[in-house]
Every structure is written in C-alpha cells, then in structure tokens.
Amino acid sequence: MANVAYMRVSTGGQSLDSQKDALNDCQIDRWFEEKASGLDDARPVLKECLGYLREGDTLYMTRADRLARSSGHLLAMVETLRKKGVEVAFVEQPELSTNTAHGELMLTVLAGVAKFETRLRAERCAEGIEAAKARGVRFGRPAKVTPELVAKLKDMRLDGLGVAEMMAATGLGRSTVFKAMSEAS
C-alpha cells in the first residue's frame, strides 16, 4: 500500500510548490509531477501514475481539477480507480473523499454543477454571438477580396499589367488575384 501524489500545473511558467506544500503531510511514497493542460487527454505522467497504482494505494491530489477538467472524465477516472481498489483523496477538498458514500455523492454533485456551469457559459456565449450578429458585427478574418481591391485590380489589368505584376503590387497570392478578377468580370 503506497501513498502516491499526482501534481499538475497547466503551463511551464507555473510552479508546483504550493501543491507540494499541501501534500507534504501525506507521507508520500511516490511523486508524479506534470506540466500540461487538464484538457489534454495525452498526459504521459498521469498515464504513468495511473499505471503505477495498485489495490490498496491512495492517490493524493490537492483538488479534483488536477485530475480532470470535465465532469464526465473526472467521474470515469475516479470510478476506474475505485474499481481498481485505489482510494482518491483531494487534500484541499476532503469532502470529496472516495472512501465514503457521502464523498462519492459530493464528487458527483460537484461534477454535475461544473458541467452545468460549462453549459451555461456556452449558451451565454452563443447568445452573445447571435446578438452581436443581429447588430451587424462580423466575425472571422476580414475578406481579402473587397470592392476596392476588385476595382484596383481591374484598373491594373486595363493598364496592361499581368497577374504576376498584380501579385507583386498588392502582395496577394495568385488564387486571390484570380478570384478578385473573376468578380470584376
């Protein structure tokens, strides 16, 4: 039976020191440290950690968001570990301990709330985009082929310039010049 710690920060510029400090009192036998986004499914250190764990071990983390970002992923990982006989302990969120029915309920409820908040944010974002579109806001990269460009290329063509010369004068690619010229016809 081993006490195992998994620590993660999202970027290389962040430090694991505060997580190490929080986990120091847990008599950790093996430490796993990773600098990767929680949204990244290919976290090699996490995979190594999960492969290291055996029945009777306890996996310590500071908070549930260190393990996973989505509620579905978190619940699936915790359930897989529980079936493997591994206890999961969140030091800064002791109410989420997986060794009690109450802890499992709290973990499930909090994961559901997190999913709910994510859906609300997505809905509000979509509503904001629709409202902006209704006000005439345009999204995306500005169009290269504008009526002004079409007129300019038409004048250049009338002056006898070839496609290569028009490309050099405008800084546009061949296909953009041809597209603009087809709109000028």
C-alpha atoms as a PDB file:
ATOM      1  CA  MET A   1       0.000   0.000   0.000  1.00  0.00           C
ATOM      2  CA  ALA A   2       1.582   3.202  -1.203  1.00  0.00           C
ATOM      3  CA  ASN A   3       0.721   6.858  -0.876  1.00  0.00           C
ATOM      4  CA  VAL A   4       1.052   8.372  -4.333  1.00  0.00           C
ATOM      5  CA  ALA A   5       0.859  12.074  -5.248  1.00  0.00           C
ATOM      6  CA  TYR A   6      -0.089  13.492  -8.624  1.00  0.00           C
ATOM      7  CA  MET A   7       0.514  17.203  -9.145  1.00  0.00           C
ATOM      8  CA  ARG A   8      -0.224  19.189 -12.284  1.00  0.00           C
ATOM      9  CA  VAL A   9       0.010  22.754 -13.488  1.00  0.00           C
ATOM     10  CA  SER A  10      -1.188  23.916 -16.887  1.00  0.00           C
ATOM     11  CA  THR A  11       1.861  25.825 -18.127  1.00  0.00           C
ATOM     12  CA  GLY A  12       5.614  25.683 -17.776  1.00  0.00           C
ATOM     13  CA  GLY A  13       5.644  29.088 -16.105  1.00  0.00           C
ATOM     14  CA  GLN A  14       3.548  27.868 -13.170  1.00  0.00           C
ATOM     15  CA  SER A  15       5.050  26.261 -10.078  1.00  0.00           C
ATOM     16  CA  LEU A  16       4.145  23.024  -8.328  1.00  0.00           C
ATOM     17  CA  ASP A  17       5.438  24.357  -4.987  1.00  0.00           C
ATOM     18  CA  SER A  18       2.037  25.144  -3.448  1.00  0.00           C
ATOM     19  CA  GLN A  19       0.762  21.654  -4.324  1.00  0.00           C
ATOM     20  CA  LYS A  20       3.908  20.062  -2.852  1.00  0.00           C
ATOM     21  CA  ASP A  21       3.438  22.072   0.334  1.00  0.00           C
ATOM     22  CA  ALA A  22      -0.204  20.942   0.630  1.00  0.00           C
ATOM     23  CA  LEU A  23       0.724  17.282   0.114  1.00  0.00           C
ATOM     24  CA  ASN A  24       3.810  17.174   2.373  1.00  0.00           C
ATOM     25  CA  ASP A  25       1.903  15.825   5.401  1.00  0.00           C
ATOM     26  CA  CYS A  26       0.567  12.801   3.475  1.00  0.00           C
ATOM     27  CA  GLN A  27       3.734  10.648   3.777  1.00  0.00           C
ATOM     28  CA  ILE A  28       4.008  10.320   0.002  1.00  0.00           C
ATOM     29  CA  ASP A  29       5.973   7.313  -1.264  1.00  0.00           C
ATOM     30  CA  ARG A  30       5.970   8.286  -4.952  1.00  0.00           C
ATOM     31  CA  TRP A  31       5.542  11.718  -6.565  1.00  0.00           C
ATOM     32  CA  PHE A  32       4.290  12.347 -10.098  1.00  0.00           C
ATOM     33  CA  GLU A  33       4.684  15.904 -11.421  1.00  0.00           C
ATOM     34  CA  GLU A  34       3.301  17.195 -14.721  1.00  0.00           C
ATOM     35  CA  LYS A  35       3.071  20.453 -16.611  1.00  0.00           C
ATOM     36  CA  ALA A  36       0.193  20.001 -19.059  1.00  0.00           C
ATOM     37  CA  SER A  37      -3.329  21.266 -19.616  1.00  0.00           C
ATOM     38  CA  GLY A  38      -6.075  19.386 -17.808  1.00  0.00           C
ATOM     39  CA  LEU A  39      -7.961  19.319 -21.092  1.00  0.00           C
ATOM     40  CA  ASP A  40      -5.143  17.346 -22.735  1.00  0.00           C
ATOM     41  CA  ASP A  41      -6.042  13.647 -22.861  1.00  0.00           C
ATOM     42  CA  ALA A  42      -2.443  12.689 -23.654  1.00  0.00           C
ATOM     43  CA  ARG A  43      -0.835  13.440 -20.285  1.00  0.00           C
ATOM     44  CA  PRO A  44       2.063  10.970 -20.128  1.00  0.00           C
ATOM     45  CA  VAL A  45       2.869  11.497 -16.436  1.00  0.00           C
ATOM     46  CA  LEU A  46      -0.773  10.931 -15.454  1.00  0.00           C
ATOM     47  CA  LYS A  47      -0.813   7.732 -17.520  1.00  0.00           C
ATOM     48  CA  GLU A  48       2.385   6.607 -15.796  1.00  0.00           C
ATOM     49  CA  CYS A  49       0.870   7.421 -12.393  1.00  0.00           C
ATOM     50  CA  LEU A  50      -2.344   5.516 -13.126  1.00  0.00           C
ATOM     51  CA  GLY A  51      -0.298   2.527 -14.309  1.00  0.00           C
ATOM     52  CA  TYR A  52       1.769   2.605 -11.113  1.00  0.00           C
ATOM     53  CA  LEU A  53      -1.221   2.465  -8.749  1.00  0.00           C
ATOM     54  CA  ARG A  54      -2.165  -0.878  -7.180  1.00  0.00           C
ATOM     55  CA  GLU A  55      -5.006  -2.130  -4.997  1.00  0.00           C
ATOM     56  CA  GLY A  56      -4.782  -0.582  -1.545  1.00  0.00           C
ATOM     57  CA  ASP A  57      -2.882   2.515  -2.724  1.00  0.00           C
ATOM     58  CA  THR A  58      -4.097   6.044  -2.114  1.00  0.00           C
ATOM     59  CA  LEU A  59      -3.780   8.696  -4.804  1.00  0.00           C
ATOM     60  CA  TYR A  60      -3.405  12.168  -3.301  1.00  0.00           C
ATOM     61  CA  MET A  61      -4.045  15.426  -5.138  1.00  0.00           C
ATOM     62  CA  THR A  62      -4.726  18.925  -3.918  1.00  0.00           C
ATOM     63  CA  ARG A  63      -8.022  19.354  -5.803  1.00  0.00           C
ATOM     64  CA  ALA A  64     -10.221  17.412  -8.200  1.00  0.00           C
ATOM     65  CA  ASP A  65      -9.410  19.756 -11.095  1.00  0.00           C
ATOM     66  CA  ARG A  66      -5.800  18.482 -11.037  1.00  0.00           C
ATOM     67  CA  LEU A  67      -7.070  15.082 -12.230  1.00  0.00           C
ATOM     68  CA  ALA A  68      -9.585  16.127 -14.888  1.00  0.00           C
ATOM     69  CA  ARG A  69     -11.406  19.193 -16.206  1.00  0.00           C
ATOM     70  CA  SER A  70     -14.654  17.688 -17.431  1.00  0.00           C
ATOM     71  CA  SER A  71     -17.151  16.124 -15.064  1.00  0.00           C
ATOM     72  CA  GLY A  72     -17.574  13.014 -17.186  1.00  0.00           C
ATOM     73  CA  HIS A  73     -13.827  12.433 -17.363  1.00  0.00           C
ATOM     74  CA  LEU A  74     -13.414  13.020 -13.621  1.00  0.00           C
ATOM     75  CA  LEU A  75     -16.195  10.626 -12.652  1.00  0.00           C
ATOM     76  CA  ALA A  76     -14.942   7.959 -15.056  1.00  0.00           C
ATOM     77  CA  MET A  77     -11.382   8.192 -13.739  1.00  0.00           C
ATOM     78  CA  VAL A  78     -12.474   8.077 -10.103  1.00  0.00           C
ATOM     79  CA  GLU A  79     -14.750   5.091 -10.814  1.00  0.00           C
ATOM     80  CA  THR A  80     -11.923   3.245 -12.627  1.00  0.00           C
ATOM     81  CA  LEU A  81      -9.595   3.863  -9.686  1.00  0.00           C
ATOM     82  CA  ARG A  82     -12.256   2.793  -7.178  1.00  0.00           C
ATOM     83  CA  LYS A  83     -12.801  -0.495  -9.068  1.00  0.00           C
ATOM     84  CA  LYS A  84      -9.029  -0.998  -9.023  1.00  0.00           C
ATOM     85  CA  GLY A  85      -9.113  -0.664  -5.223  1.00  0.00           C
ATOM     86  CA  VAL A  86      -7.396   2.724  -5.173  1.00  0.00           C
ATOM     87  CA  GLU A  87      -8.662   5.441  -2.857  1.00  0.00           C
ATOM     88  CA  VAL A  88      -8.582   9.001  -4.178  1.00  0.00           C
ATOM     89  CA  ALA A  89      -8.041  11.842  -1.712  1.00  0.00           C
ATOM     90  CA  PHE A  90      -8.239  15.541  -2.504  1.00  0.00           C
ATOM     91  CA  VAL A  91      -6.334  17.253   0.322  1.00  0.00           C
ATOM     92  CA  GLU A  92      -7.911  20.687  -0.167  1.00  0.00           C
ATOM     93  CA  GLN A  93     -11.350  19.136  -0.771  1.00  0.00           C
ATOM     94  CA  PRO A  94     -11.630  16.410   1.888  1.00  0.00           C
ATOM     95  CA  GLU A  95     -15.404  16.258   1.449  1.00  0.00           C
ATOM     96  CA  LEU A  96     -14.752  14.565  -1.931  1.00  0.00           C
ATOM     97  CA  SER A  97     -13.001  11.510  -0.448  1.00  0.00           C
ATOM     98  CA  THR A  98     -13.910   8.426  -2.448  1.00  0.00           C
ATOM     99  CA  ASN A  99     -13.837   6.073   0.537  1.00  0.00           C
ATOM    100  CA  THR A 100     -17.297   7.175   1.750  1.00  0.00           C
ATOM    101  CA  ALA A 101     -20.725   7.217   0.138  1.00  0.00           C
ATOM    102  CA  HIS A 102     -21.045  10.872   1.152  1.00  0.00           C
ATOM    103  CA  GLY A 103     -17.769  11.712  -0.601  1.00  0.00           C
ATOM    104  CA  GLU A 104     -18.848   9.966  -3.786  1.00  0.00           C
ATOM    105  CA  LEU A 105     -22.163  11.837  -3.697  1.00  0.00           C
ATOM    106  CA  MET A 106     -20.385  15.167  -3.224  1.00  0.00           C
ATOM    107  CA  LEU A 107     -17.981  14.397  -6.070  1.00  0.00           C
ATOM    108  CA  THR A 108     -20.889  13.528  -8.357  1.00  0.00           C
ATOM    109  CA  VAL A 109     -22.851  16.648  -7.383  1.00  0.00           C
ATOM    110  CA  LEU A 110     -19.858  18.954  -7.858  1.00  0.00           C
ATOM    111  CA  ALA A 111     -19.034  17.346 -11.201  1.00  0.00           C
ATOM    112  CA  GLY A 112     -22.649  17.914 -12.268  1.00  0.00           C
ATOM    113  CA  VAL A 113     -22.525  21.544 -11.157  1.00  0.00           C
ATOM    114  CA  ALA A 114     -19.282  22.030 -13.116  1.00  0.00           C
ATOM    115  CA  LYS A 115     -20.912  20.543 -16.222  1.00  0.00           C
ATOM    116  CA  PHE A 116     -23.965  22.755 -15.699  1.00  0.00           C
ATOM    117  CA  GLU A 117     -21.757  25.873 -15.439  1.00  0.00           C
ATOM    118  CA  THR A 118     -19.898  24.892 -18.614  1.00  0.00           C
ATOM    119  CA  ARG A 119     -23.186  24.510 -20.498  1.00  0.00           C
ATOM    120  CA  LEU A 120     -24.451  27.855 -19.167  1.00  0.00           C
ATOM    121  CA  ARG A 121     -21.248  29.594 -20.305  1.00  0.00           C
ATOM    122  CA  ALA A 122     -21.592  28.037 -23.757  1.00  0.00           C
ATOM    123  CA  GLU A 123     -25.238  29.115 -24.002  1.00  0.00           C
ATOM    124  CA  ARG A 124     -24.431  32.678 -22.892  1.00  0.00           C
ATOM    125  CA  CYS A 125     -21.573  32.839 -25.369  1.00  0.00           C
ATOM    126  CA  ALA A 126     -23.828  31.642 -28.211  1.00  0.00           C
ATOM    127  CA  GLU A 127     -26.494  34.194 -27.202  1.00  0.00           C
ATOM    128  CA  GLY A 128     -23.866  36.950 -27.206  1.00  0.00           C
ATOM    129  CA  ILE A 129     -22.649  35.948 -30.654  1.00  0.00           C
ATOM    130  CA  GLU A 130     -26.203  35.922 -32.028  1.00  0.00           C
ATOM    131  CA  ALA A 131     -26.900  39.352 -30.510  1.00  0.00           C
ATOM    132  CA  ALA A 132     -23.683  40.726 -31.994  1.00  0.00           C
ATOM    133  CA  LYS A 133     -24.556  39.297 -35.421  1.00  0.00           C
ATOM    134  CA  ALA A 134     -28.014  40.923 -35.176  1.00  0.00           C
ATOM    135  CA  ARG A 135     -26.236  44.249 -34.561  1.00  0.00           C
ATOM    136  CA  GLY A 136     -24.172  43.681 -37.707  1.00  0.00           C
ATOM    137  CA  VAL A 137     -20.920  42.590 -36.091  1.00  0.00           C
ATOM    138  CA  ARG A 138     -18.912  40.383 -38.430  1.00  0.00           C
ATOM    139  CA  PHE A 139     -16.774  37.554 -37.097  1.00  0.00           C
ATOM    140  CA  GLY A 140     -13.733  35.914 -38.591  1.00  0.00           C
ATOM    141  CA  ARG A 141     -10.900  37.139 -40.690  1.00  0.00           C
ATOM    142  CA  PRO A 142     -11.658  40.168 -42.868  1.00  0.00           C
ATOM    143  CA  ALA A 143     -12.251  39.331 -46.519  1.00  0.00           C
ATOM    144  CA  LYS A 144      -9.243  39.946 -48.750  1.00  0.00           C
ATOM    145  CA  VAL A 145     -11.378  40.496 -51.830  1.00  0.00           C
ATOM    146  CA  THR A 146     -13.136  43.816 -51.283  1.00  0.00           C
ATOM    147  CA  PRO A 147     -14.918  46.001 -53.836  1.00  0.00           C
ATOM    148  CA  GLU A 148     -11.944  48.411 -53.616  1.00  0.00           C
ATOM    149  CA  LEU A 149      -9.486  45.614 -54.400  1.00  0.00           C
ATOM    150  CA  VAL A 150     -11.602  44.431 -57.320  1.00  0.00           C
ATOM    151  CA  ALA A 151     -11.633  47.970 -58.744  1.00  0.00           C
ATOM    152  CA  LYS A 152      -7.865  48.362 -58.218  1.00  0.00           C
ATOM    153  CA  LEU A 153      -7.078  45.057 -59.951  1.00  0.00           C
ATOM    154  CA  LYS A 154      -9.457  45.924 -62.788  1.00  0.00           C
ATOM    155  CA  ASP A 155      -7.584  49.198 -63.313  1.00  0.00           C
ATOM    156  CA  MET A 156      -4.242  47.383 -63.214  1.00  0.00           C
ATOM    157  CA  ARG A 157      -5.465  44.915 -65.809  1.00  0.00           C
ATOM    158  CA  LEU A 158      -6.656  47.761 -68.043  1.00  0.00           C
ATOM    159  CA  ASP A 159      -3.178  49.302 -67.684  1.00  0.00           C
ATOM    160  CA  GLY A 160      -1.771  46.070 -69.164  1.00  0.00           C
ATOM    161  CA  LEU A 161      -0.309  44.503 -66.025  1.00  0.00           C
ATOM    162  CA  GLY A 162      -0.098  40.694 -65.855  1.00  0.00           C
ATOM    163  CA  VAL A 163      -1.101  38.509 -62.940  1.00  0.00           C
ATOM    164  CA  ALA A 164       2.470  38.254 -61.596  1.00  0.00           C
ATOM    165  CA  GLU A 165       2.801  42.046 -61.617  1.00  0.00           C
ATOM    166  CA  MET A 166      -0.562  42.451 -59.867  1.00  0.00           C
ATOM    167  CA  MET A 167       0.526  39.910 -57.243  1.00  0.00           C
ATOM    168  CA  ALA A 168       3.760  41.816 -56.628  1.00  0.00           C
ATOM    169  CA  ALA A 169       1.971  45.190 -56.436  1.00  0.00           C
ATOM    170  CA  THR A 170      -0.732  44.023 -53.993  1.00  0.00           C
ATOM    171  CA  GLY A 171       1.061  41.293 -52.034  1.00  0.00           C
ATOM    172  CA  LEU A 172      -1.751  38.870 -52.823  1.00  0.00           C
ATOM    173  CA  GLY A 173      -1.472  35.253 -53.917  1.00  0.00           C
ATOM    174  CA  ARG A 174      -2.315  34.036 -57.391  1.00  0.00           C
ATOM    175  CA  SER A 175      -5.664  32.483 -56.409  1.00  0.00           C
ATOM    176  CA  THR A 176      -6.787  35.675 -54.625  1.00  0.00           C
ATOM    177  CA  VAL A 177      -5.919  37.787 -57.683  1.00  0.00           C
ATOM    178  CA  PHE A 178      -7.835  35.415 -59.961  1.00  0.00           C
ATOM    179  CA  LYS A 179     -10.804  35.379 -57.555  1.00  0.00           C
ATOM    180  CA  ALA A 180     -10.886  39.198 -57.494  1.00  0.00           C
ATOM    181  CA  MET A 181     -10.566  39.379 -61.286  1.00  0.00           C
ATOM    182  CA  SER A 182     -13.457  36.935 -61.744  1.00  0.00           C
ATOM    183  CA  GLU A 183     -15.589  39.202 -59.525  1.00  0.00           C
ATOM    184  CA  ALA A 184     -14.578  42.164 -61.717  1.00  0.00           C
ATOM    185  CA  SER A 185     -15.987  40.469 -64.832  1.00  0.00           C
END
